[in-house]
Amino acid sequence: MSVTLHVCITCRAGQTLAEGEVAPGARLHAALVEAGVPDGVDLVPVECLSACSQGCSVALSAPGRWSYVYGRLSEANAGDVIAGASAYAAAPDGIVPWRSRPEIFRKQSLARIPPLPVVPEAAE
């Protein structure tokens, strides 16, 4: 089962952008694409994660797993975000042991969201 790494591409990280300037969130997304997303991780750009006061943000989620939102990121953190997404993909419940998380995921977690119950598909 694959996991989803959402990246807020509209995040301005508190900056006023000049016309035509690429938003920091879009730069983070581009850096993640360039770094290469591991197998089992789907990279999905989104227009807002509602963490605007927390700088660039990403969210990791998968059915039946805990979900996480991380903030205060930049394109310089792309390698750590990829490492964290890979560790998350390998954790059956979404809980990566504390010491196995990249430092930015230990210090910059904004939210941890319980898994939704997995509902079996209705019988036909």
N, C-alpha and C. Protein backbone atom coordinates (compact mmCIF):
# COMPACT_ATOMS: atom_id res chain seq x y z
N MET A 1 0.85 -1.17 0.00
CA MET A 1 0.00 0.00 0.00
C MET A 1 0.90 1.24 0.00
N SER A 2 0.57 2.17 -0.84
CA SER A 2 1.38 3.39 -0.90
C SER A 2 0.88 4.42 0.11
N VAL A 3 1.77 5.33 0.44
CA VAL A 3 1.45 6.44 1.33
C VAL A 3 1.49 7.72 0.51
N THR A 4 0.85 8.75 1.02
CA THR A 4 0.78 10.02 0.31
C THR A 4 1.57 11.09 1.06
N LEU A 5 2.41 11.78 0.32
CA LEU A 5 3.14 12.94 0.82
C LEU A 5 2.55 14.16 0.14
N HIS A 6 1.73 14.91 0.88
CA HIS A 6 1.15 16.15 0.36
C HIS A 6 2.12 17.29 0.62
N VAL A 7 2.27 18.18 -0.35
CA VAL A 7 3.14 19.34 -0.20
C VAL A 7 2.34 20.59 -0.56
N CYS A 8 2.31 21.55 0.35
CA CYS A 8 1.63 22.81 0.08
C CYS A 8 2.48 23.62 -0.89
N ILE A 9 2.01 23.77 -2.11
CA ILE A 9 2.79 24.48 -3.14
C ILE A 9 2.50 25.98 -3.18
N THR A 10 1.49 26.43 -2.44
CA THR A 10 1.16 27.85 -2.43
C THR A 10 1.77 28.57 -1.24
N CYS A 11 2.41 27.84 -0.35
CA CYS A 11 2.97 28.44 0.85
C CYS A 11 4.01 29.51 0.49
N ARG A 12 3.86 30.65 1.13
CA ARG A 12 4.81 31.75 0.93
C ARG A 12 5.77 31.87 2.10
N ALA A 13 5.61 31.02 3.11
CA ALA A 13 6.50 31.01 4.28
C ALA A 13 6.64 32.40 4.90
N GLY A 14 5.56 33.16 4.91
CA GLY A 14 5.57 34.48 5.51
C GLY A 14 6.23 35.57 4.68
N GLN A 15 6.61 35.25 3.47
CA GLN A 15 7.30 36.21 2.61
C GLN A 15 6.32 36.93 1.69
N THR A 16 6.65 38.14 1.34
CA THR A 16 5.93 38.85 0.29
C THR A 16 6.67 38.54 -1.00
N LEU A 17 5.98 37.98 -1.95
CA LEU A 17 6.62 37.55 -3.19
C LEU A 17 6.44 38.60 -4.28
N ALA A 18 7.50 38.82 -5.02
CA ALA A 18 7.42 39.70 -6.18
C ALA A 18 6.65 38.98 -7.27
N GLU A 19 6.05 39.74 -8.17
CA GLU A 19 5.30 39.13 -9.26
C GLU A 19 6.20 38.18 -10.03
N GLY A 20 5.68 36.98 -10.25
CA GLY A 20 6.42 35.97 -11.00
C GLY A 20 7.39 35.15 -10.15
N GLU A 21 7.58 35.53 -8.89
CA GLU A 21 8.49 34.78 -8.02
C GLU A 21 7.83 33.47 -7.61
N VAL A 22 8.60 32.40 -7.60
CA VAL A 22 8.08 31.08 -7.24
C VAL A 22 7.93 31.00 -5.72
N ALA A 23 6.78 30.53 -5.28
CA ALA A 23 6.51 30.40 -3.85
C ALA A 23 7.45 29.38 -3.22
N PRO A 24 7.86 29.60 -1.96
CA PRO A 24 8.73 28.64 -1.29
C PRO A 24 8.15 27.22 -1.27
N GLY A 25 6.84 27.10 -1.13
CA GLY A 25 6.22 25.77 -1.14
C GLY A 25 6.40 25.07 -2.48
N ALA A 26 6.29 25.83 -3.56
CA ALA A 26 6.50 25.26 -4.90
C ALA A 26 7.97 24.87 -5.08
N ARG A 27 8.86 25.65 -4.49
CA ARG A 27 10.30 25.29 -4.55
C ARG A 27 10.57 24.02 -3.77
N LEU A 28 9.92 23.86 -2.61
CA LEU A 28 10.06 22.63 -1.84
C LEU A 28 9.57 21.44 -2.66
N HIS A 29 8.42 21.59 -3.28
CA HIS A 29 7.87 20.51 -4.11
C HIS A 29 8.86 20.14 -5.22
N ALA A 30 9.39 21.14 -5.91
CA ALA A 30 10.35 20.89 -6.99
C ALA A 30 11.59 20.18 -6.47
N ALA A 31 12.06 20.56 -5.28
CA ALA A 31 13.23 19.91 -4.70
C ALA A 31 12.94 18.45 -4.35
N LEU A 32 11.72 18.17 -3.92
CA LEU A 32 11.34 16.79 -3.62
C LEU A 32 11.27 15.96 -4.91
N VAL A 33 10.73 16.54 -5.97
CA VAL A 33 10.70 15.84 -7.26
C VAL A 33 12.13 15.55 -7.71
N GLU A 34 12.98 16.54 -7.60
CA GLU A 34 14.38 16.38 -8.03
C GLU A 34 15.12 15.34 -7.18
N ALA A 35 14.84 15.31 -5.88
CA ALA A 35 15.50 14.36 -4.99
C ALA A 35 15.07 12.92 -5.28
N GLY A 36 13.85 12.77 -5.80
CA GLY A 36 13.35 11.44 -6.12
C GLY A 36 12.57 10.85 -4.96
N VAL A 37 11.31 10.64 -5.20
CA VAL A 37 10.44 10.08 -4.17
C VAL A 37 10.57 8.55 -4.21
N PRO A 38 10.73 7.92 -3.04
CA PRO A 38 10.91 6.47 -3.03
C PRO A 38 9.67 5.71 -3.46
N ASP A 39 9.87 4.47 -3.86
CA ASP A 39 8.74 3.60 -4.19
C ASP A 39 7.81 3.52 -2.99
N GLY A 40 6.53 3.49 -3.27
CA GLY A 40 5.55 3.41 -2.21
C GLY A 40 5.12 4.75 -1.65
N VAL A 41 5.67 5.83 -2.20
CA VAL A 41 5.29 7.17 -1.75
C VAL A 41 4.77 7.95 -2.95
N ASP A 42 3.56 8.45 -2.85
CA ASP A 42 2.96 9.29 -3.89
C ASP A 42 3.09 10.74 -3.47
N LEU A 43 3.77 11.54 -4.28
CA LEU A 43 3.95 12.97 -4.01
C LEU A 43 2.80 13.73 -4.64
N VAL A 44 2.03 14.45 -3.81
CA VAL A 44 0.84 15.15 -4.28
C VAL A 44 0.91 16.62 -3.89
N PRO A 45 0.97 17.52 -4.88
CA PRO A 45 0.93 18.94 -4.55
C PRO A 45 -0.49 19.36 -4.18
N VAL A 46 -0.61 20.19 -3.16
CA VAL A 46 -1.92 20.71 -2.75
C VAL A 46 -1.80 22.23 -2.61
N GLU A 47 -2.93 22.91 -2.67
CA GLU A 47 -2.90 24.36 -2.63
C GLU A 47 -2.88 24.94 -1.23
N CYS A 48 -3.22 24.18 -0.21
CA CYS A 48 -3.12 24.72 1.14
C CYS A 48 -3.27 23.59 2.15
N LEU A 49 -2.42 23.62 3.17
CA LEU A 49 -2.55 22.69 4.29
C LEU A 49 -2.97 23.44 5.56
N SER A 50 -3.32 24.72 5.42
CA SER A 50 -3.76 25.57 6.53
C SER A 50 -2.75 25.63 7.67
N ALA A 51 -1.48 25.64 7.32
CA ALA A 51 -0.41 25.81 8.31
C ALA A 51 0.39 27.06 7.94
N CYS A 52 -0.31 28.06 7.44
CA CYS A 52 0.31 29.25 6.84
C CYS A 52 1.30 29.96 7.77
N SER A 53 1.02 29.98 9.05
CA SER A 53 1.93 30.67 9.98
C SER A 53 3.13 29.81 10.35
N GLN A 54 3.19 28.60 9.82
CA GLN A 54 4.26 27.67 10.17
C GLN A 54 5.24 27.42 9.02
N GLY A 55 5.26 28.28 8.04
CA GLY A 55 6.18 28.09 6.92
C GLY A 55 5.73 26.96 6.02
N CYS A 56 6.61 26.51 5.15
CA CYS A 56 6.26 25.44 4.22
C CYS A 56 5.92 24.18 5.00
N SER A 57 4.87 23.50 4.54
CA SER A 57 4.42 22.32 5.26
C SER A 57 4.15 21.15 4.33
N VAL A 58 4.22 19.96 4.92
CA VAL A 58 3.92 18.71 4.23
C VAL A 58 3.06 17.87 5.15
N ALA A 59 2.36 16.92 4.59
CA ALA A 59 1.58 15.98 5.38
C ALA A 59 1.80 14.58 4.84
N LEU A 60 1.90 13.62 5.74
CA LEU A 60 2.02 12.20 5.38
C LEU A 60 0.78 11.48 5.86
N SER A 61 0.19 10.66 4.98
CA SER A 61 -1.00 9.91 5.36
C SER A 61 -1.11 8.64 4.55
N ALA A 62 -1.88 7.71 5.09
CA ALA A 62 -2.21 6.46 4.42
C ALA A 62 -3.39 5.84 5.16
N PRO A 63 -4.21 5.08 4.45
CA PRO A 63 -5.36 4.45 5.11
C PRO A 63 -4.91 3.56 6.29
N GLY A 64 -5.60 3.71 7.42
CA GLY A 64 -5.33 2.89 8.58
C GLY A 64 -4.07 3.26 9.36
N ARG A 65 -3.42 4.37 9.00
CA ARG A 65 -2.20 4.81 9.68
C ARG A 65 -2.40 6.17 10.31
N TRP A 66 -1.57 6.48 11.30
CA TRP A 66 -1.52 7.82 11.83
C TRP A 66 -1.05 8.75 10.72
N SER A 67 -1.55 9.97 10.71
CA SER A 67 -1.13 10.99 9.74
C SER A 67 -0.36 12.07 10.50
N TYR A 68 0.54 12.74 9.78
CA TYR A 68 1.38 13.77 10.38
C TYR A 68 1.43 15.00 9.48
N VAL A 69 1.51 16.17 10.10
CA VAL A 69 1.75 17.42 9.39
C VAL A 69 3.03 18.02 9.97
N TYR A 70 3.95 18.38 9.08
CA TYR A 70 5.23 18.97 9.48
C TYR A 70 5.35 20.34 8.85
N GLY A 71 5.95 21.28 9.57
CA GLY A 71 6.09 22.64 9.06
C GLY A 71 7.48 23.21 9.27
N ARG A 72 7.59 24.49 8.92
CA ARG A 72 8.86 25.22 9.01
C ARG A 72 9.93 24.55 8.15
N LEU A 73 9.54 24.18 6.94
CA LEU A 73 10.42 23.49 6.00
C LEU A 73 10.81 24.40 4.84
N SER A 74 11.86 24.01 4.13
CA SER A 74 12.26 24.70 2.90
C SER A 74 12.83 23.65 1.95
N GLU A 75 13.18 24.11 0.76
CA GLU A 75 13.74 23.16 -0.21
C GLU A 75 15.05 22.54 0.29
N ALA A 76 15.73 23.20 1.21
CA ALA A 76 16.96 22.65 1.78
C ALA A 76 16.69 21.38 2.59
N ASN A 77 15.44 21.18 2.99
CA ASN A 77 15.06 20.01 3.79
C ASN A 77 14.58 18.84 2.95
N ALA A 78 14.65 18.93 1.63
CA ALA A 78 14.08 17.89 0.75
C ALA A 78 14.61 16.50 1.08
N GLY A 79 15.90 16.36 1.29
CA GLY A 79 16.47 15.04 1.59
C GLY A 79 15.91 14.45 2.87
N ASP A 80 15.75 15.28 3.90
CA ASP A 80 15.18 14.80 5.17
C ASP A 80 13.71 14.46 5.02
N VAL A 81 12.97 15.23 4.24
CA VAL A 81 11.56 14.93 4.01
C VAL A 81 11.43 13.58 3.29
N ILE A 82 12.28 13.35 2.30
CA ILE A 82 12.26 12.06 1.58
C ILE A 82 12.59 10.92 2.54
N ALA A 83 13.61 11.11 3.38
CA ALA A 83 13.98 10.07 4.35
C ALA A 83 12.83 9.80 5.32
N GLY A 84 12.16 10.86 5.77
CA GLY A 84 11.03 10.69 6.68
C GLY A 84 9.86 10.00 6.02
N ALA A 85 9.60 10.33 4.76
CA ALA A 85 8.50 9.69 4.02
C ALA A 85 8.80 8.22 3.81
N SER A 86 10.05 7.89 3.53
CA SER A 86 10.44 6.50 3.35
C SER A 86 10.25 5.70 4.64
N ALA A 87 10.66 6.29 5.77
CA ALA A 87 10.48 5.63 7.07
C ALA A 87 9.00 5.46 7.39
N TYR A 88 8.20 6.46 7.08
CA TYR A 88 6.75 6.40 7.30
C TYR A 88 6.15 5.27 6.45
N ALA A 89 6.57 5.17 5.20
CA ALA A 89 6.05 4.12 4.31
C ALA A 89 6.37 2.73 4.85
N ALA A 90 7.48 2.59 5.55
CA ALA A 90 7.89 1.29 6.08
C ALA A 90 7.21 0.95 7.41
N ALA A 91 6.55 1.92 8.03
CA ALA A 91 5.91 1.70 9.33
C ALA A 91 4.44 1.30 9.11
N PRO A 92 4.08 0.09 9.44
CA PRO A 92 2.71 -0.39 9.16
C PRO A 92 1.60 0.47 9.76
N ASP A 93 1.86 1.09 10.91
CA ASP A 93 0.83 1.92 11.55
C ASP A 93 1.10 3.41 11.39
N GLY A 94 2.19 3.76 10.69
CA GLY A 94 2.54 5.16 10.48
C GLY A 94 3.38 5.75 11.59
N ILE A 95 3.61 4.99 12.65
CA ILE A 95 4.40 5.50 13.77
C ILE A 95 5.85 5.06 13.57
N VAL A 96 6.69 6.02 13.26
CA VAL A 96 8.12 5.77 13.08
C VAL A 96 8.79 5.98 14.43
N PRO A 97 9.61 5.02 14.89
CA PRO A 97 10.28 5.22 16.18
C PRO A 97 11.03 6.56 16.22
N TRP A 98 10.97 7.22 17.36
CA TRP A 98 11.52 8.58 17.53
C TRP A 98 12.93 8.71 16.97
N ARG A 99 13.81 7.83 17.32
CA ARG A 99 15.21 7.94 16.90
C ARG A 99 15.40 7.63 15.41
N SER A 100 14.42 7.01 14.78
CA SER A 100 14.51 6.69 13.35
C SER A 100 13.99 7.83 12.47
N ARG A 101 13.42 8.86 13.09
CA ARG A 101 12.89 10.00 12.34
C ARG A 101 14.00 11.00 12.05
N PRO A 102 13.97 11.63 10.87
CA PRO A 102 14.90 12.74 10.64
C PRO A 102 14.66 13.82 11.71
N GLU A 103 15.69 14.55 12.05
CA GLU A 103 15.58 15.56 13.11
C GLU A 103 14.45 16.56 12.84
N ILE A 104 14.27 16.97 11.58
CA ILE A 104 13.20 17.93 11.31
C ILE A 104 11.83 17.35 11.61
N PHE A 105 11.67 16.03 11.50
CA PHE A 105 10.39 15.40 11.83
C PHE A 105 10.23 15.25 13.34
N ARG A 106 11.31 15.25 14.08
CA ARG A 106 11.22 15.21 15.55
C ARG A 106 10.85 16.58 16.10
N LYS A 107 11.38 17.63 15.48
CA LYS A 107 11.24 18.98 16.04
C LYS A 107 10.17 19.83 15.38
N GLN A 108 9.71 19.47 14.20
CA GLN A 108 8.84 20.35 13.45
C GLN A 108 7.47 19.74 13.13
N SER A 109 7.05 18.84 14.00
CA SER A 109 5.73 18.24 13.84
C SER A 109 4.67 19.24 14.30
N LEU A 110 3.69 19.47 13.44
CA LEU A 110 2.59 20.39 13.77
C LEU A 110 1.36 19.65 14.26
N ALA A 111 1.14 18.45 13.74
CA ALA A 111 -0.05 17.69 14.13
C ALA A 111 0.18 16.21 13.90
N ARG A 112 -0.44 15.42 14.75
CA ARG A 112 -0.49 13.97 14.60
C ARG A 112 -1.97 13.60 14.67
N ILE A 113 -2.45 12.94 13.64
CA ILE A 113 -3.88 12.69 13.50
C ILE A 113 -4.13 11.18 13.53
N PRO A 114 -5.05 10.72 14.39
CA PRO A 114 -5.32 9.29 14.48
C PRO A 114 -5.85 8.73 13.16
N PRO A 115 -5.60 7.45 12.94
CA PRO A 115 -6.11 6.83 11.71
C PRO A 115 -7.64 6.76 11.72
N LEU A 116 -8.19 6.92 10.54
CA LEU A 116 -9.63 6.68 10.40
C LEU A 116 -9.86 5.18 10.38
N PRO A 117 -10.97 4.72 10.89
CA PRO A 117 -11.23 3.29 10.82
C PRO A 117 -11.35 2.85 9.36
N VAL A 118 -10.78 1.71 9.06
CA VAL A 118 -10.87 1.16 7.70
C VAL A 118 -12.19 0.43 7.62
N VAL A 119 -13.07 0.88 6.75
CA VAL A 119 -14.39 0.29 6.60
C VAL A 119 -14.37 -0.64 5.39
N PRO A 120 -14.74 -1.91 5.59
CA PRO A 120 -14.75 -2.82 4.45
C PRO A 120 -15.78 -2.34 3.42
N GLU A 121 -15.47 -2.61 2.17
CA GLU A 121 -16.40 -2.20 1.12
C GLU A 121 -17.73 -2.93 1.30
N ALA A 122 -18.80 -2.23 0.98
CA ALA A 122 -20.13 -2.81 1.13
C ALA A 122 -20.29 -3.99 0.17
N ALA A 123 -20.94 -5.01 0.68
CA ALA A 123 -21.20 -6.19 -0.16
C ALA A 123 -22.22 -5.82 -1.24
N GLU A 124 -22.04 -6.38 -2.37
CA GLU A 124 -22.97 -6.06 -3.48
C GLU A 124 -24.16 -6.97 -3.46
